[in-house]
Amino acid sequence: MNATVLMYHIAPEKEAALLALGEKLSLRMVKVPPRRHGCTIAQVLRDEGEDCPAKPPLSEEMLVMDLPGVLLDFFLQGMHQAGVNVSLKAALTPTNVSWAAPALQQELQRERQEFLRRGMR
């Protein structure tokens, strides 16, 4: 599979900057439409399955990155240099690949709250 970034619920101005960064790094950038937000990450990566809208709809921007280590570092640095902030970001894992976006969003929000509770950033 090509190095891929899945983009969920991204604002248009951020999307343009992310697409430009992805092109610069030769990444496969996938804008996941709301009608596919309820599909598993694996289905979206393989472009499989029927439409599966999320219930409830996603409330925050989110990126899911299937990138090898050094490329992940370059992508995150490029986002920082371009001033693009997406608060929910996840690397693809054997666990989250079987989740739908709402479940991953909920887990990332829970983790963020835990970091804030502990005083971490």
C-alpha atoms as a PDB file:
ATOM      1  CA  MET A   1       0.000   0.000   0.000  1.00  0.00           C
ATOM      2  CA  ASN A   2       1.210   3.494  -0.814  1.00  0.00           C
ATOM      3  CA  ALA A   3       1.982   5.916   1.986  1.00  0.00           C
ATOM      4  CA  THR A   4      -1.456   7.380   2.658  1.00  0.00           C
ATOM      5  CA  VAL A   5      -3.102  10.120   4.692  1.00  0.00           C
ATOM      6  CA  LEU A   6      -6.853   9.966   5.276  1.00  0.00           C
ATOM      7  CA  MET A   7      -8.463  13.364   5.795  1.00  0.00           C
ATOM      8  CA  TYR A   8     -11.727  13.525   7.742  1.00  0.00           C
ATOM      9  CA  HIS A   9     -13.833  16.682   8.133  1.00  0.00           C
ATOM     10  CA  ILE A  10     -10.946  19.014   7.165  1.00  0.00           C
ATOM     11  CA  ALA A  11     -11.641  22.718   6.550  1.00  0.00           C
ATOM     12  CA  PRO A  12     -11.077  23.738   2.905  1.00  0.00           C
ATOM     13  CA  GLU A  13      -8.111  26.055   3.587  1.00  0.00           C
ATOM     14  CA  LYS A  14      -6.342  23.343   5.589  1.00  0.00           C
ATOM     15  CA  GLU A  15      -7.228  20.736   2.989  1.00  0.00           C
ATOM     16  CA  ALA A  16      -5.487  22.740   0.250  1.00  0.00           C
ATOM     17  CA  ALA A  17      -2.318  23.035   2.332  1.00  0.00           C
ATOM     18  CA  LEU A  18      -2.396  19.319   3.238  1.00  0.00           C
ATOM     19  CA  LEU A  19      -2.879  18.313  -0.401  1.00  0.00           C
ATOM     20  CA  ALA A  20       0.086  20.486  -1.434  1.00  0.00           C
ATOM     21  CA  LEU A  21       2.236  18.924   1.292  1.00  0.00           C
ATOM     22  CA  GLY A  22       1.133  15.441   0.267  1.00  0.00           C
ATOM     23  CA  GLU A  23       2.038  16.145  -3.348  1.00  0.00           C
ATOM     24  CA  LYS A  24       5.459  17.434  -2.302  1.00  0.00           C
ATOM     25  CA  LEU A  25       6.079  14.207  -0.339  1.00  0.00           C
ATOM     26  CA  SER A  26       4.475  11.939  -3.001  1.00  0.00           C
ATOM     27  CA  LEU A  27       1.758  10.775  -0.615  1.00  0.00           C
ATOM     28  CA  ARG A  28      -1.648   9.376  -1.444  1.00  0.00           C
ATOM     29  CA  MET A  29      -4.025  11.925   0.097  1.00  0.00           C
ATOM     30  CA  VAL A  30      -7.631  10.768   0.529  1.00  0.00           C
ATOM     31  CA  LYS A  31     -10.421  13.173   1.380  1.00  0.00           C
ATOM     32  CA  VAL A  32     -12.954  10.889   3.063  1.00  0.00           C
ATOM     33  CA  PRO A  33     -16.483  12.144   2.319  1.00  0.00           C
ATOM     34  CA  PRO A  34     -19.054  12.173   5.136  1.00  0.00           C
ATOM     35  CA  ARG A  35     -20.946   9.313   3.469  1.00  0.00           C
ATOM     36  CA  ARG A  36     -17.878   7.105   4.219  1.00  0.00           C
ATOM     37  CA  HIS A  37     -17.077   8.297   7.769  1.00  0.00           C
ATOM     38  CA  GLY A  38     -18.744   5.221   9.283  1.00  0.00           C
ATOM     39  CA  CYS A  39     -16.642   2.770   7.235  1.00  0.00           C
ATOM     40  CA  THR A  40     -13.656   1.129   8.898  1.00  0.00           C
ATOM     41  CA  ILE A  41     -10.250   2.656   8.309  1.00  0.00           C
ATOM     42  CA  ALA A  42      -9.304  -0.532   6.419  1.00  0.00           C
ATOM     43  CA  GLN A  43     -12.292  -0.169   4.084  1.00  0.00           C
ATOM     44  CA  VAL A  44     -11.413   3.439   3.354  1.00  0.00           C
ATOM     45  CA  LEU A  45      -7.751   2.608   2.721  1.00  0.00           C
ATOM     46  CA  ARG A  46      -8.746  -0.142   0.277  1.00  0.00           C
ATOM     47  CA  ASP A  47     -11.625   1.924  -1.178  1.00  0.00           C
ATOM     48  CA  GLU A  48     -14.020  -0.929  -0.336  1.00  0.00           C
ATOM     49  CA  GLY A  49     -17.494  -1.206   1.037  1.00  0.00           C
ATOM     50  CA  GLU A  50     -20.711   0.649   0.562  1.00  0.00           C
ATOM     51  CA  ASP A  51     -21.477   4.079   1.860  1.00  0.00           C
ATOM     52  CA  CYS A  52     -21.600   4.046   5.636  1.00  0.00           C
ATOM     53  CA  PRO A  53     -22.380   7.466   7.128  1.00  0.00           C
ATOM     54  CA  ALA A  54     -21.200   8.118  10.665  1.00  0.00           C
ATOM     55  CA  LYS A  55     -23.789   8.374  13.415  1.00  0.00           C
ATOM     56  CA  PRO A  56     -23.302  10.860  14.952  1.00  0.00           C
ATOM     57  CA  PRO A  57     -21.313  12.872  12.369  1.00  0.00           C
ATOM     58  CA  LEU A  58     -17.705  13.721  13.137  1.00  0.00           C
ATOM     59  CA  SER A  59     -17.323  16.866  15.201  1.00  0.00           C
ATOM     60  CA  GLU A  60     -13.595  17.524  14.725  1.00  0.00           C
ATOM     61  CA  GLU A  61     -11.007  17.442  11.999  1.00  0.00           C
ATOM     62  CA  MET A  62      -8.966  14.259  11.973  1.00  0.00           C
ATOM     63  CA  LEU A  63      -6.053  12.748  10.042  1.00  0.00           C
ATOM     64  CA  VAL A  64      -5.191   9.051   9.922  1.00  0.00           C
ATOM     65  CA  MET A  65      -1.664   8.498   8.649  1.00  0.00           C
ATOM     66  CA  ASP A  66      -0.346   5.272   7.176  1.00  0.00           C
ATOM     67  CA  LEU A  67       3.234   6.507   6.813  1.00  0.00           C
ATOM     68  CA  PRO A  68       6.609   4.963   7.636  1.00  0.00           C
ATOM     69  CA  GLY A  69       8.461   6.674  10.512  1.00  0.00           C
ATOM     70  CA  VAL A  70      10.682   9.137   8.670  1.00  0.00           C
ATOM     71  CA  LEU A  71       7.909  10.100   6.255  1.00  0.00           C
ATOM     72  CA  LEU A  72       5.552  10.629   9.195  1.00  0.00           C
ATOM     73  CA  ASP A  73       8.148  12.973  10.725  1.00  0.00           C
ATOM     74  CA  PHE A  74       8.487  14.919   7.445  1.00  0.00           C
ATOM     75  CA  PHE A  75       4.708  15.183   7.108  1.00  0.00           C
ATOM     76  CA  LEU A  76       4.216  16.460  10.675  1.00  0.00           C
ATOM     77  CA  GLN A  77       7.106  18.930  10.279  1.00  0.00           C
ATOM     78  CA  GLY A  78       5.616  20.130   7.002  1.00  0.00           C
ATOM     79  CA  MET A  79       2.257  20.682   8.684  1.00  0.00           C
ATOM     80  CA  HIS A  80       3.948  22.723  11.402  1.00  0.00           C
ATOM     81  CA  GLN A  81       5.925  24.790   8.878  1.00  0.00           C
ATOM     82  CA  ALA A  82       2.760  25.459   6.858  1.00  0.00           C
ATOM     83  CA  GLY A  83       0.891  26.492  10.018  1.00  0.00           C
ATOM     84  CA  VAL A  84      -1.707  23.742   9.582  1.00  0.00           C
ATOM     85  CA  ASN A  85      -3.138  22.547  12.882  1.00  0.00           C
ATOM     86  CA  VAL A  86      -5.322  19.456  13.019  1.00  0.00           C
ATOM     87  CA  SER A  87      -5.826  18.495  16.639  1.00  0.00           C
ATOM     88  CA  LEU A  88      -6.756  14.851  16.075  1.00  0.00           C
ATOM     89  CA  LYS A  89      -4.035  12.842  14.364  1.00  0.00           C
ATOM     90  CA  ALA A  90      -3.471   9.101  14.470  1.00  0.00           C
ATOM     91  CA  ALA A  91      -0.903   6.759  13.029  1.00  0.00           C
ATOM     92  CA  LEU A  92      -2.428   3.615  11.565  1.00  0.00           C
ATOM     93  CA  THR A  93      -2.143   0.664  13.955  1.00  0.00           C
ATOM     94  CA  PRO A  94      -3.218  -2.988  13.864  1.00  0.00           C
ATOM     95  CA  THR A  95      -5.930  -2.021  16.364  1.00  0.00           C
ATOM     96  CA  ASN A  96      -7.392   1.158  14.868  1.00  0.00           C
ATOM     97  CA  VAL A  97      -7.429  -0.156  11.281  1.00  0.00           C
ATOM     98  CA  SER A  98     -10.613  -2.065  12.147  1.00  0.00           C
ATOM     99  CA  TRP A  99     -12.330   0.960  13.727  1.00  0.00           C
ATOM    100  CA  ALA A 100     -14.661   3.428  12.048  1.00  0.00           C
ATOM    101  CA  ALA A 101     -13.755   7.117  12.229  1.00  0.00           C
ATOM    102  CA  PRO A 102     -16.205   7.994  15.052  1.00  0.00           C
ATOM    103  CA  ALA A 103     -14.652   5.369  17.341  1.00  0.00           C
ATOM    104  CA  LEU A 104     -11.141   6.613  16.552  1.00  0.00           C
ATOM    105  CA  GLN A 105     -12.222  10.224  17.069  1.00  0.00           C
ATOM    106  CA  GLN A 106     -13.720   9.324  20.451  1.00  0.00           C
ATOM    107  CA  GLU A 107     -10.519   7.536  21.522  1.00  0.00           C
ATOM    108  CA  LEU A 108      -8.302  10.444  20.419  1.00  0.00           C
ATOM    109  CA  GLN A 109     -10.526  12.912  22.288  1.00  0.00           C
ATOM    110  CA  ARG A 110     -10.381  10.703  25.397  1.00  0.00           C
ATOM    111  CA  GLU A 111      -6.568  10.536  25.167  1.00  0.00           C
ATOM    112  CA  ARG A 112      -6.351  14.315  24.738  1.00  0.00           C
ATOM    113  CA  GLN A 113      -8.499  14.845  27.840  1.00  0.00           C
ATOM    114  CA  GLU A 114      -6.275  12.480  29.807  1.00  0.00           C
ATOM    115  CA  PHE A 115      -3.128  14.355  28.718  1.00  0.00           C
ATOM    116  CA  LEU A 116      -4.733  17.651  29.721  1.00  0.00           C
ATOM    117  CA  ARG A 117      -5.837  16.201  33.072  1.00  0.00           C
ATOM    118  CA  ARG A 118      -2.254  15.121  33.739  1.00  0.00           C
ATOM    119  CA  GLY A 119      -0.897  18.506  32.688  1.00  0.00           C
ATOM    120  CA  MET A 120       0.810  17.149  29.568  1.00  0.00           C
ATOM    121  CA  ARG A 121       0.735  18.767  26.142  1.00  0.00           C
END
